[in-house]
Amino acid sequence: MSIICILFAVFLAIYYAVFIQWDWYKPNYSEVKMKTIGMLGGMSWESTAQYYRLINQAVNHRLKGLHSASLILRSVDFENIAFLQQKGDWKEAGKILSEEAINLEKAGADFLLICTNTMHKVAPEITASISVPVLHIADTTAEVLQQENISRVGLLGTAFTMEQSFYTSRLTNKFGIEVITPNADDRAVVHNIIYKELCKGKIKDESRKKYLNIISALAADGCQGVILGCTEISLLVKQIDTDVPLFDTTELHALAAVNSALS
């Protein structure tokens, strides 16, 4: 009986030392005021996964412990959106995404991210459909460009982003930044690699070399840096690959969302 009592006492001592005295097991509970991020994603899911990782990593870096982001994700079927893009039916695409934005607001999102550069073409329609703010990807990028004193920048993205005015004119008219795009042949290369490879998770060295050559050509044309203006491009090209300053819109957008959520 005495042995049992001794063993029980030893067990209690160990339990107290490990689970009561030591702090490593205890969550660092605190009343952190964090806004809920609404993510309108899936375009493609490859880049949306990067958003999710970057946002949560940044929140944890800021708050430490086991903290992660408060967010709501609606991931759409990109096949349907890509079909409407190719068809030029932006009105229908905008309607679909606006409905999803409304659902995100109803679910409790305090502000929204459209997790794609190209579909910011319908950002005005989405913004008009909800009462919470939309954090525009071009604005978050331009603010960093201004901080870096960049006045002439190259832009890589889908053909829609490079060739239509919804993106470039916002950078120029709102922020005074001159935007240079590749020549027609290079734009086709950039666009095709995005849709045929990157959106499908295919990362090829040959394609990276093509992108780096295009980036070098933009730098030779006087660009002080290059915007990776499609959220998949950073899967292929990273700053370590070139001396030309790169501005990864996925990362910049995600970090801006964290700043907004914790402000």
C-alpha atoms as a PDB file:
ATOM      1  CA  MET A   1       0.000   0.000   0.000  1.00  0.00           C
ATOM      2  CA  SER A   2       2.837   2.349   0.855  1.00  0.00           C
ATOM      3  CA  ILE A   3       4.477   1.663  -2.523  1.00  0.00           C
ATOM      4  CA  ILE A   4       1.237   2.552  -4.298  1.00  0.00           C
ATOM      5  CA  CYS A   5       1.017   5.790  -2.314  1.00  0.00           C
ATOM      6  CA  ILE A   6       4.611   6.650  -3.183  1.00  0.00           C
ATOM      7  CA  LEU A   7       4.063   5.942  -6.877  1.00  0.00           C
ATOM      8  CA  PHE A   8       0.899   8.026  -6.852  1.00  0.00           C
ATOM      9  CA  ALA A   9       2.731  10.884  -5.170  1.00  0.00           C
ATOM     10  CA  VAL A  10       5.492  10.691  -7.791  1.00  0.00           C
ATOM     11  CA  PHE A  11       2.861  10.748 -10.546  1.00  0.00           C
ATOM     12  CA  LEU A  12       1.227  13.835  -9.058  1.00  0.00           C
ATOM     13  CA  ALA A  13       4.595  15.581  -8.783  1.00  0.00           C
ATOM     14  CA  ILE A  14       5.438  14.865 -12.415  1.00  0.00           C
ATOM     15  CA  TYR A  15       1.977  15.908 -13.559  1.00  0.00           C
ATOM     16  CA  TYR A  16       2.223  19.177 -11.638  1.00  0.00           C
ATOM     17  CA  ALA A  17       5.703  19.925 -12.972  1.00  0.00           C
ATOM     18  CA  VAL A  18       4.871  19.150 -16.606  1.00  0.00           C
ATOM     19  CA  PHE A  19       1.282  20.271 -17.002  1.00  0.00           C
ATOM     20  CA  ILE A  20       0.828  22.932 -14.334  1.00  0.00           C
ATOM     21  CA  GLN A  21       4.175  24.659 -13.845  1.00  0.00           C
ATOM     22  CA  TRP A  22       5.539  24.598 -17.395  1.00  0.00           C
ATOM     23  CA  ASP A  23       4.093  27.146 -19.778  1.00  0.00           C
ATOM     24  CA  TRP A  24       4.933  25.489 -23.060  1.00  0.00           C
ATOM     25  CA  TYR A  25       1.658  23.606 -23.222  1.00  0.00           C
ATOM     26  CA  LYS A  26      -0.506  26.628 -22.439  1.00  0.00           C
ATOM     27  CA  PRO A  27      -1.929  28.649 -25.323  1.00  0.00           C
ATOM     28  CA  ASN A  28      -1.094  32.330 -25.026  1.00  0.00           C
ATOM     29  CA  TYR A  29      -4.690  33.496 -24.887  1.00  0.00           C
ATOM     30  CA  SER A  30      -5.178  37.180 -25.486  1.00  0.00           C
ATOM     31  CA  GLU A  31      -7.975  39.447 -26.613  1.00  0.00           C
ATOM     32  CA  VAL A  32      -6.504  40.249 -30.025  1.00  0.00           C
ATOM     33  CA  LYS A  33      -8.704  42.482 -32.119  1.00  0.00           C
ATOM     34  CA  MET A  34      -8.497  40.941 -35.550  1.00  0.00           C
ATOM     35  CA  LYS A  35     -10.752  41.694 -38.496  1.00  0.00           C
ATOM     36  CA  THR A  36     -12.000  38.762 -40.533  1.00  0.00           C
ATOM     37  CA  ILE A  37     -10.549  38.590 -44.038  1.00  0.00           C
ATOM     38  CA  GLY A  38     -12.855  37.476 -46.839  1.00  0.00           C
ATOM     39  CA  MET A  39     -10.912  35.680 -49.581  1.00  0.00           C
ATOM     40  CA  LEU A  40     -12.520  35.364 -52.998  1.00  0.00           C
ATOM     41  CA  GLY A  41     -10.249  32.728 -54.450  1.00  0.00           C
ATOM     42  CA  GLY A  42      -9.862  29.681 -56.649  1.00  0.00           C
ATOM     43  CA  MET A  43      -8.584  31.683 -59.651  1.00  0.00           C
ATOM     44  CA  SER A  44      -6.507  29.572 -59.624  1.00  0.00           C
ATOM     45  CA  TRP A  45      -6.420  27.475 -56.462  1.00  0.00           C
ATOM     46  CA  GLU A  46      -2.632  27.256 -56.851  1.00  0.00           C
ATOM     47  CA  SER A  47      -2.229  30.939 -56.017  1.00  0.00           C
ATOM     48  CA  THR A  48      -5.059  30.928 -53.474  1.00  0.00           C
ATOM     49  CA  ALA A  49      -3.091  28.342 -51.506  1.00  0.00           C
ATOM     50  CA  GLN A  50      -0.179  30.801 -51.480  1.00  0.00           C
ATOM     51  CA  TYR A  51      -2.458  33.537 -50.160  1.00  0.00           C
ATOM     52  CA  TYR A  52      -3.645  31.282 -47.339  1.00  0.00           C
ATOM     53  CA  ARG A  53      -0.093  30.371 -46.366  1.00  0.00           C
ATOM     54  CA  LEU A  54       1.285  33.904 -46.567  1.00  0.00           C
ATOM     55  CA  ILE A  55      -1.553  35.446 -44.577  1.00  0.00           C
ATOM     56  CA  ASN A  56      -1.372  32.899 -41.780  1.00  0.00           C
ATOM     57  CA  GLN A  57       2.415  33.032 -41.620  1.00  0.00           C
ATOM     58  CA  ALA A  58       2.347  36.825 -41.385  1.00  0.00           C
ATOM     59  CA  VAL A  59      -0.287  36.805 -38.638  1.00  0.00           C
ATOM     60  CA  ASN A  60       1.686  34.260 -36.653  1.00  0.00           C
ATOM     61  CA  HIS A  61       4.887  36.240 -37.128  1.00  0.00           C
ATOM     62  CA  ARG A  62       3.176  39.344 -35.769  1.00  0.00           C
ATOM     63  CA  LEU A  63       1.266  37.769 -32.877  1.00  0.00           C
ATOM     64  CA  LYS A  64       3.462  34.726 -32.094  1.00  0.00           C
ATOM     65  CA  GLY A  65       2.219  31.668 -30.222  1.00  0.00           C
ATOM     66  CA  LEU A  66      -0.386  29.643 -32.083  1.00  0.00           C
ATOM     67  CA  HIS A  67      -2.109  32.653 -33.614  1.00  0.00           C
ATOM     68  CA  SER A  68      -3.471  32.369 -37.129  1.00  0.00           C
ATOM     69  CA  ALA A  69      -5.689  34.507 -39.329  1.00  0.00           C
ATOM     70  CA  SER A  70      -9.405  34.937 -38.964  1.00  0.00           C
ATOM     71  CA  LEU A  71     -10.554  34.447 -42.540  1.00  0.00           C
ATOM     72  CA  ILE A  72     -13.334  33.097 -44.710  1.00  0.00           C
ATOM     73  CA  LEU A  73     -12.499  31.559 -48.073  1.00  0.00           C
ATOM     74  CA  ARG A  74     -14.807  31.077 -51.031  1.00  0.00           C
ATOM     75  CA  SER A  75     -13.011  29.179 -53.746  1.00  0.00           C
ATOM     76  CA  VAL A  76     -14.841  29.234 -57.075  1.00  0.00           C
ATOM     77  CA  ASP A  77     -14.505  26.798 -59.968  1.00  0.00           C
ATOM     78  CA  PHE A  78     -11.914  28.504 -62.155  1.00  0.00           C
ATOM     79  CA  GLU A  79     -12.921  26.565 -65.276  1.00  0.00           C
ATOM     80  CA  ASN A  80     -16.158  28.532 -65.417  1.00  0.00           C
ATOM     81  CA  ILE A  81     -14.467  31.884 -64.831  1.00  0.00           C
ATOM     82  CA  ALA A  82     -11.717  31.163 -67.385  1.00  0.00           C
ATOM     83  CA  PHE A  83     -14.386  30.265 -69.959  1.00  0.00           C
ATOM     84  CA  LEU A  84     -16.093  33.626 -69.414  1.00  0.00           C
ATOM     85  CA  GLN A  85     -12.730  35.397 -69.644  1.00  0.00           C
ATOM     86  CA  GLN A  86     -11.980  33.834 -73.019  1.00  0.00           C
ATOM     87  CA  LYS A  87     -15.518  34.566 -74.183  1.00  0.00           C
ATOM     88  CA  GLY A  88     -15.199  38.184 -73.107  1.00  0.00           C
ATOM     89  CA  ASP A  89     -18.309  37.916 -70.945  1.00  0.00           C
ATOM     90  CA  TRP A  90     -17.030  40.029 -68.080  1.00  0.00           C
ATOM     91  CA  LYS A  91     -20.552  41.005 -67.095  1.00  0.00           C
ATOM     92  CA  GLU A  92     -21.465  37.412 -66.228  1.00  0.00           C
ATOM     93  CA  ALA A  93     -18.122  36.845 -64.517  1.00  0.00           C
ATOM     94  CA  GLY A  94     -18.686  39.970 -62.460  1.00  0.00           C
ATOM     95  CA  LYS A  95     -22.168  38.790 -61.533  1.00  0.00           C
ATOM     96  CA  ILE A  96     -20.850  35.431 -60.304  1.00  0.00           C
ATOM     97  CA  LEU A  97     -18.086  36.964 -58.232  1.00  0.00           C
ATOM     98  CA  SER A  98     -20.377  39.652 -56.842  1.00  0.00           C
ATOM     99  CA  GLU A  99     -22.746  36.962 -55.588  1.00  0.00           C
ATOM    100  CA  GLU A 100     -19.845  35.198 -53.911  1.00  0.00           C
ATOM    101  CA  ALA A 101     -18.680  38.486 -52.386  1.00  0.00           C
ATOM    102  CA  ILE A 102     -22.155  39.011 -50.925  1.00  0.00           C
ATOM    103  CA  ASN A 103     -21.964  35.546 -49.387  1.00  0.00           C
ATOM    104  CA  LEU A 104     -18.587  36.342 -47.847  1.00  0.00           C
ATOM    105  CA  GLU A 105     -19.963  39.522 -46.309  1.00  0.00           C
ATOM    106  CA  LYS A 106     -22.974  37.640 -44.943  1.00  0.00           C
ATOM    107  CA  ALA A 107     -20.601  35.059 -43.458  1.00  0.00           C
ATOM    108  CA  GLY A 108     -18.860  37.782 -41.472  1.00  0.00           C
ATOM    109  CA  ALA A 109     -15.994  39.121 -43.600  1.00  0.00           C
ATOM    110  CA  ASP A 110     -14.923  42.630 -42.572  1.00  0.00           C
ATOM    111  CA  PHE A 111     -13.201  43.275 -45.896  1.00  0.00           C
ATOM    112  CA  LEU A 112     -12.487  41.374 -49.093  1.00  0.00           C
ATOM    113  CA  LEU A 113      -9.538  40.252 -51.161  1.00  0.00           C
ATOM    114  CA  ILE A 114     -10.076  39.332 -54.797  1.00  0.00           C
ATOM    115  CA  CYS A 115      -7.257  36.774 -54.946  1.00  0.00           C
ATOM    116  CA  THR A 116      -6.363  37.341 -58.580  1.00  0.00           C
ATOM    117  CA  ASN A 117      -5.087  40.272 -60.613  1.00  0.00           C
ATOM    118  CA  THR A 118      -7.120  39.633 -63.747  1.00  0.00           C
ATOM    119  CA  MET A 119     -10.524  39.558 -62.084  1.00  0.00           C
ATOM    120  CA  HIS A 120      -9.926  43.019 -60.672  1.00  0.00           C
ATOM    121  CA  LYS A 121     -11.372  43.984 -64.040  1.00  0.00           C
ATOM    122  CA  VAL A 122     -14.741  43.481 -62.329  1.00  0.00           C
ATOM    123  CA  ALA A 123     -13.653  44.962 -58.996  1.00  0.00           C
ATOM    124  CA  PRO A 124     -16.007  47.952 -59.436  1.00  0.00           C
ATOM    125  CA  GLU A 125     -19.004  45.604 -59.786  1.00  0.00           C
ATOM    126  CA  ILE A 126     -17.921  43.554 -56.786  1.00  0.00           C
ATOM    127  CA  THR A 127     -17.301  46.655 -54.681  1.00  0.00           C
ATOM    128  CA  ALA A 128     -20.730  48.040 -55.556  1.00  0.00           C
ATOM    129  CA  SER A 129     -22.439  44.809 -54.503  1.00  0.00           C
ATOM    130  CA  ILE A 130     -21.229  44.839 -50.880  1.00  0.00           C
ATOM    131  CA  SER A 131     -20.886  47.292 -48.011  1.00  0.00           C
ATOM    132  CA  VAL A 132     -17.478  46.152 -46.733  1.00  0.00           C
ATOM    133  CA  PRO A 133     -14.235  47.387 -48.372  1.00  0.00           C
ATOM    134  CA  VAL A 134     -12.378  45.601 -51.153  1.00  0.00           C
ATOM    135  CA  LEU A 135      -8.599  45.771 -50.808  1.00  0.00           C
ATOM    136  CA  HIS A 136      -7.489  46.412 -54.399  1.00  0.00           C
ATOM    137  CA  ILE A 137      -4.385  44.498 -55.477  1.00  0.00           C
ATOM    138  CA  ALA A 138      -3.116  47.277 -57.761  1.00  0.00           C
ATOM    139  CA  ASP A 139      -3.318  49.809 -54.930  1.00  0.00           C
ATOM    140  CA  THR A 140      -1.344  47.661 -52.494  1.00  0.00           C
ATOM    141  CA  THR A 141       1.310  47.119 -55.168  1.00  0.00           C
ATOM    142  CA  ALA A 142       1.482  50.782 -56.186  1.00  0.00           C
ATOM    143  CA  GLU A 143       1.926  51.903 -52.588  1.00  0.00           C
ATOM    144  CA  VAL A 144       5.031  49.734 -52.299  1.00  0.00           C
ATOM    145  CA  LEU A 145       6.320  50.976 -55.660  1.00  0.00           C
ATOM    146  CA  GLN A 146       6.018  54.543 -54.408  1.00  0.00           C
ATOM    147  CA  GLN A 147       7.859  53.653 -51.217  1.00  0.00           C
ATOM    148  CA  GLU A 148      10.670  52.276 -53.385  1.00  0.00           C
ATOM    149  CA  ASN A 149      10.637  55.402 -55.613  1.00  0.00           C
ATOM    150  CA  ILE A 150       9.707  53.368 -58.675  1.00  0.00           C
ATOM    151  CA  SER A 151       8.269  55.591 -61.402  1.00  0.00           C
ATOM    152  CA  ARG A 152       8.657  53.295 -64.445  1.00  0.00           C
ATOM    153  CA  VAL A 153       7.783  49.642 -64.002  1.00  0.00           C
ATOM    154  CA  GLY A 154       7.340  46.569 -66.160  1.00  0.00           C
ATOM    155  CA  LEU A 155       4.201  44.460 -65.903  1.00  0.00           C
ATOM    156  CA  LEU A 156       3.797  40.722 -66.440  1.00  0.00           C
ATOM    157  CA  GLY A 157       0.391  39.097 -66.228  1.00  0.00           C
ATOM    158  CA  THR A 158      -2.371  37.606 -68.287  1.00  0.00           C
ATOM    159  CA  ALA A 159      -3.083  39.190 -71.659  1.00  0.00           C
ATOM    160  CA  PHE A 160      -6.174  40.732 -70.076  1.00  0.00           C
ATOM    161  CA  THR A 161      -4.116  42.449 -67.387  1.00  0.00           C
ATOM    162  CA  MET A 162      -1.295  43.547 -69.684  1.00  0.00           C
ATOM    163  CA  GLU A 163      -3.392  44.690 -72.636  1.00  0.00           C
ATOM    164  CA  GLN A 164      -6.558  46.134 -71.105  1.00  0.00           C
ATOM    165  CA  SER A 165      -6.621  49.411 -69.218  1.00  0.00           C
ATOM    166  CA  PHE A 166      -8.341  48.411 -65.957  1.00  0.00           C
ATOM    167  CA  TYR A 167      -5.009  47.668 -64.272  1.00  0.00           C
ATOM    168  CA  THR A 168      -2.396  49.804 -66.012  1.00  0.00           C
ATOM    169  CA  SER A 169      -4.520  52.951 -66.018  1.00  0.00           C
ATOM    170  CA  ARG A 170      -5.113  52.632 -62.282  1.00  0.00           C
ATOM    171  CA  LEU A 171      -1.368  52.559 -61.643  1.00  0.00           C
ATOM    172  CA  THR A 172      -0.803  55.523 -63.957  1.00  0.00           C
ATOM    173  CA  ASN A 173      -3.807  57.732 -63.201  1.00  0.00           C
ATOM    174  CA  LYS A 174      -4.045  57.155 -59.461  1.00  0.00           C
ATOM    175  CA  PHE A 175      -0.364  56.774 -58.590  1.00  0.00           C
ATOM    176  CA  GLY A 176       1.540  58.394 -61.452  1.00  0.00           C
ATOM    177  CA  ILE A 177       3.498  55.243 -62.306  1.00  0.00           C
ATOM    178  CA  GLU A 178       4.456  54.590 -65.929  1.00  0.00           C
ATOM    179  CA  VAL A 179       3.708  50.981 -66.864  1.00  0.00           C
ATOM    180  CA  ILE A 180       5.581  49.125 -69.616  1.00  0.00           C
ATOM    181  CA  THR A 181       4.424  45.768 -70.972  1.00  0.00           C
ATOM    182  CA  PRO A 182       6.384  43.286 -73.126  1.00  0.00           C
ATOM    183  CA  ASN A 183       6.030  43.173 -76.897  1.00  0.00           C
ATOM    184  CA  ALA A 184       3.175  41.199 -78.445  1.00  0.00           C
ATOM    185  CA  ASP A 185       5.123  37.951 -78.858  1.00  0.00           C
ATOM    186  CA  ASP A 186       6.411  38.059 -75.287  1.00  0.00           C
ATOM    187  CA  ARG A 187       2.946  38.868 -73.943  1.00  0.00           C
ATOM    188  CA  ALA A 188       1.642  35.719 -75.637  1.00  0.00           C
ATOM    189  CA  VAL A 189       4.428  33.670 -74.047  1.00  0.00           C
ATOM    190  CA  VAL A 190       3.687  35.062 -70.576  1.00  0.00           C
ATOM    191  CA  HIS A 191      -0.070  34.495 -70.953  1.00  0.00           C
ATOM    192  CA  ASN A 192       0.181  30.947 -72.290  1.00  0.00           C
ATOM    193  CA  ILE A 193       2.572  29.807 -69.569  1.00  0.00           C
ATOM    194  CA  ILE A 194       0.176  31.116 -66.924  1.00  0.00           C
ATOM    195  CA  TYR A 195      -2.867  29.230 -68.205  1.00  0.00           C
ATOM    196  CA  LYS A 196      -1.252  26.117 -69.639  1.00  0.00           C
ATOM    197  CA  GLU A 197       1.295  25.532 -66.887  1.00  0.00           C
ATOM    198  CA  LEU A 198       1.187  27.626 -63.717  1.00  0.00           C
ATOM    199  CA  CYS A 199      -2.561  27.384 -63.123  1.00  0.00           C
ATOM    200  CA  LYS A 200      -2.118  23.613 -63.368  1.00  0.00           C
ATOM    201  CA  GLY A 201       0.826  23.521 -60.957  1.00  0.00           C
ATOM    202  CA  LYS A 202       3.383  22.835 -63.689  1.00  0.00           C
ATOM    203  CA  ILE A 203       6.718  24.553 -63.002  1.00  0.00           C
ATOM    204  CA  LYS A 204       9.240  24.258 -65.846  1.00  0.00           C
ATOM    205  CA  ASP A 205      12.833  25.510 -65.979  1.00  0.00           C
ATOM    206  CA  GLU A 206      12.417  26.302 -69.675  1.00  0.00           C
ATOM    207  CA  SER A 207       9.493  28.584 -68.905  1.00  0.00           C
ATOM    208  CA  ARG A 208      11.431  30.269 -66.103  1.00  0.00           C
ATOM    209  CA  LYS A 209      14.207  31.087 -68.560  1.00  0.00           C
ATOM    210  CA  LYS A 210      11.683  32.616 -70.954  1.00  0.00           C
ATOM    211  CA  TYR A 211      10.253  34.793 -68.194  1.00  0.00           C
ATOM    212  CA  LEU A 212      13.712  35.884 -67.063  1.00  0.00           C
ATOM    213  CA  ASN A 213      14.605  36.903 -70.615  1.00  0.00           C
ATOM    214  CA  ILE A 214      11.437  38.977 -70.812  1.00  0.00           C
ATOM    215  CA  ILE A 215      12.191  40.562 -67.442  1.00  0.00           C
ATOM    216  CA  SER A 216      15.691  41.438 -68.647  1.00  0.00           C
ATOM    217  CA  ALA A 217      14.241  43.029 -71.780  1.00  0.00           C
ATOM    218  CA  LEU A 218      11.927  45.192 -69.657  1.00  0.00           C
ATOM    219  CA  ALA A 219      14.862  46.277 -67.512  1.00  0.00           C
ATOM    220  CA  ALA A 220      16.825  47.140 -70.665  1.00  0.00           C
ATOM    221  CA  ASP A 221      13.867  49.298 -71.686  1.00  0.00           C
ATOM    222  CA  GLY A 222      14.351  51.425 -68.594  1.00  0.00           C
ATOM    223  CA  CYS A 223      12.047  49.686 -66.134  1.00  0.00           C
ATOM    224  CA  GLN A 224      13.213  50.076 -62.535  1.00  0.00           C
ATOM    225  CA  GLY A 225      11.445  46.886 -61.540  1.00  0.00           C
ATOM    226  CA  VAL A 226       8.852  44.382 -62.733  1.00  0.00           C
ATOM    227  CA  ILE A 227       5.417  43.662 -61.290  1.00  0.00           C
ATOM    228  CA  LEU A 228       4.545  39.971 -61.156  1.00  0.00           C
ATOM    229  CA  GLY A 229       0.987  40.914 -62.013  1.00  0.00           C
ATOM    230  CA  CYS A 230      -0.511  37.467 -61.987  1.00  0.00           C
ATOM    231  CA  THR A 231      -0.812  35.650 -58.690  1.00  0.00           C
ATOM    232  CA  GLU A 232       0.672  32.462 -60.173  1.00  0.00           C
ATOM    233  CA  ILE A 233       3.901  33.981 -61.533  1.00  0.00           C
ATOM    234  CA  SER A 234       5.709  33.903 -58.194  1.00  0.00           C
ATOM    235  CA  LEU A 235       5.390  30.119 -58.301  1.00  0.00           C
ATOM    236  CA  LEU A 236       7.805  30.225 -61.249  1.00  0.00           C
ATOM    237  CA  VAL A 237      10.019  33.288 -60.798  1.00  0.00           C
ATOM    238  CA  LYS A 238      11.488  34.538 -57.541  1.00  0.00           C
ATOM    239  CA  GLN A 239      13.750  37.426 -56.608  1.00  0.00           C
ATOM    240  CA  ILE A 240      16.691  35.070 -56.219  1.00  0.00           C
ATOM    241  CA  ASP A 241      16.474  34.371 -59.970  1.00  0.00           C
ATOM    242  CA  THR A 242      17.257  37.929 -61.111  1.00  0.00           C
ATOM    243  CA  ASP A 243      18.864  41.198 -60.087  1.00  0.00           C
ATOM    244  CA  VAL A 244      15.877  43.137 -61.436  1.00  0.00           C
ATOM    245  CA  PRO A 245      13.613  44.145 -58.517  1.00  0.00           C
ATOM    246  CA  LEU A 246      10.440  42.052 -58.575  1.00  0.00           C
ATOM    247  CA  PHE A 247       7.155  43.035 -56.985  1.00  0.00           C
ATOM    248  CA  ASP A 248       5.131  39.936 -56.168  1.00  0.00           C
ATOM    249  CA  THR A 249       1.490  41.012 -56.094  1.00  0.00           C
ATOM    250  CA  THR A 250       0.417  37.866 -54.242  1.00  0.00           C
ATOM    251  CA  GLU A 251       2.753  38.553 -51.342  1.00  0.00           C
ATOM    252  CA  LEU A 252       2.109  42.302 -51.285  1.00  0.00           C
ATOM    253  CA  HIS A 253      -1.663  41.782 -51.337  1.00  0.00           C
ATOM    254  CA  ALA A 254      -1.513  39.167 -48.593  1.00  0.00           C
ATOM    255  CA  LEU A 255       0.665  41.311 -46.333  1.00  0.00           C
ATOM    256  CA  ALA A 256      -1.570  44.333 -46.877  1.00  0.00           C
ATOM    257  CA  ALA A 257      -4.528  42.186 -45.829  1.00  0.00           C
ATOM    258  CA  VAL A 258      -2.762  41.249 -42.601  1.00  0.00           C
ATOM    259  CA  ASN A 259      -1.997  44.900 -41.894  1.00  0.00           C
ATOM    260  CA  SER A 260      -5.654  45.769 -42.410  1.00  0.00           C
ATOM    261  CA  ALA A 261      -6.834  42.864 -40.289  1.00  0.00           C
ATOM    262  CA  LEU A 262      -4.608  43.826 -37.356  1.00  0.00           C
ATOM    263  CA  SER A 263      -5.052  47.590 -37.585  1.00  0.00           C
END
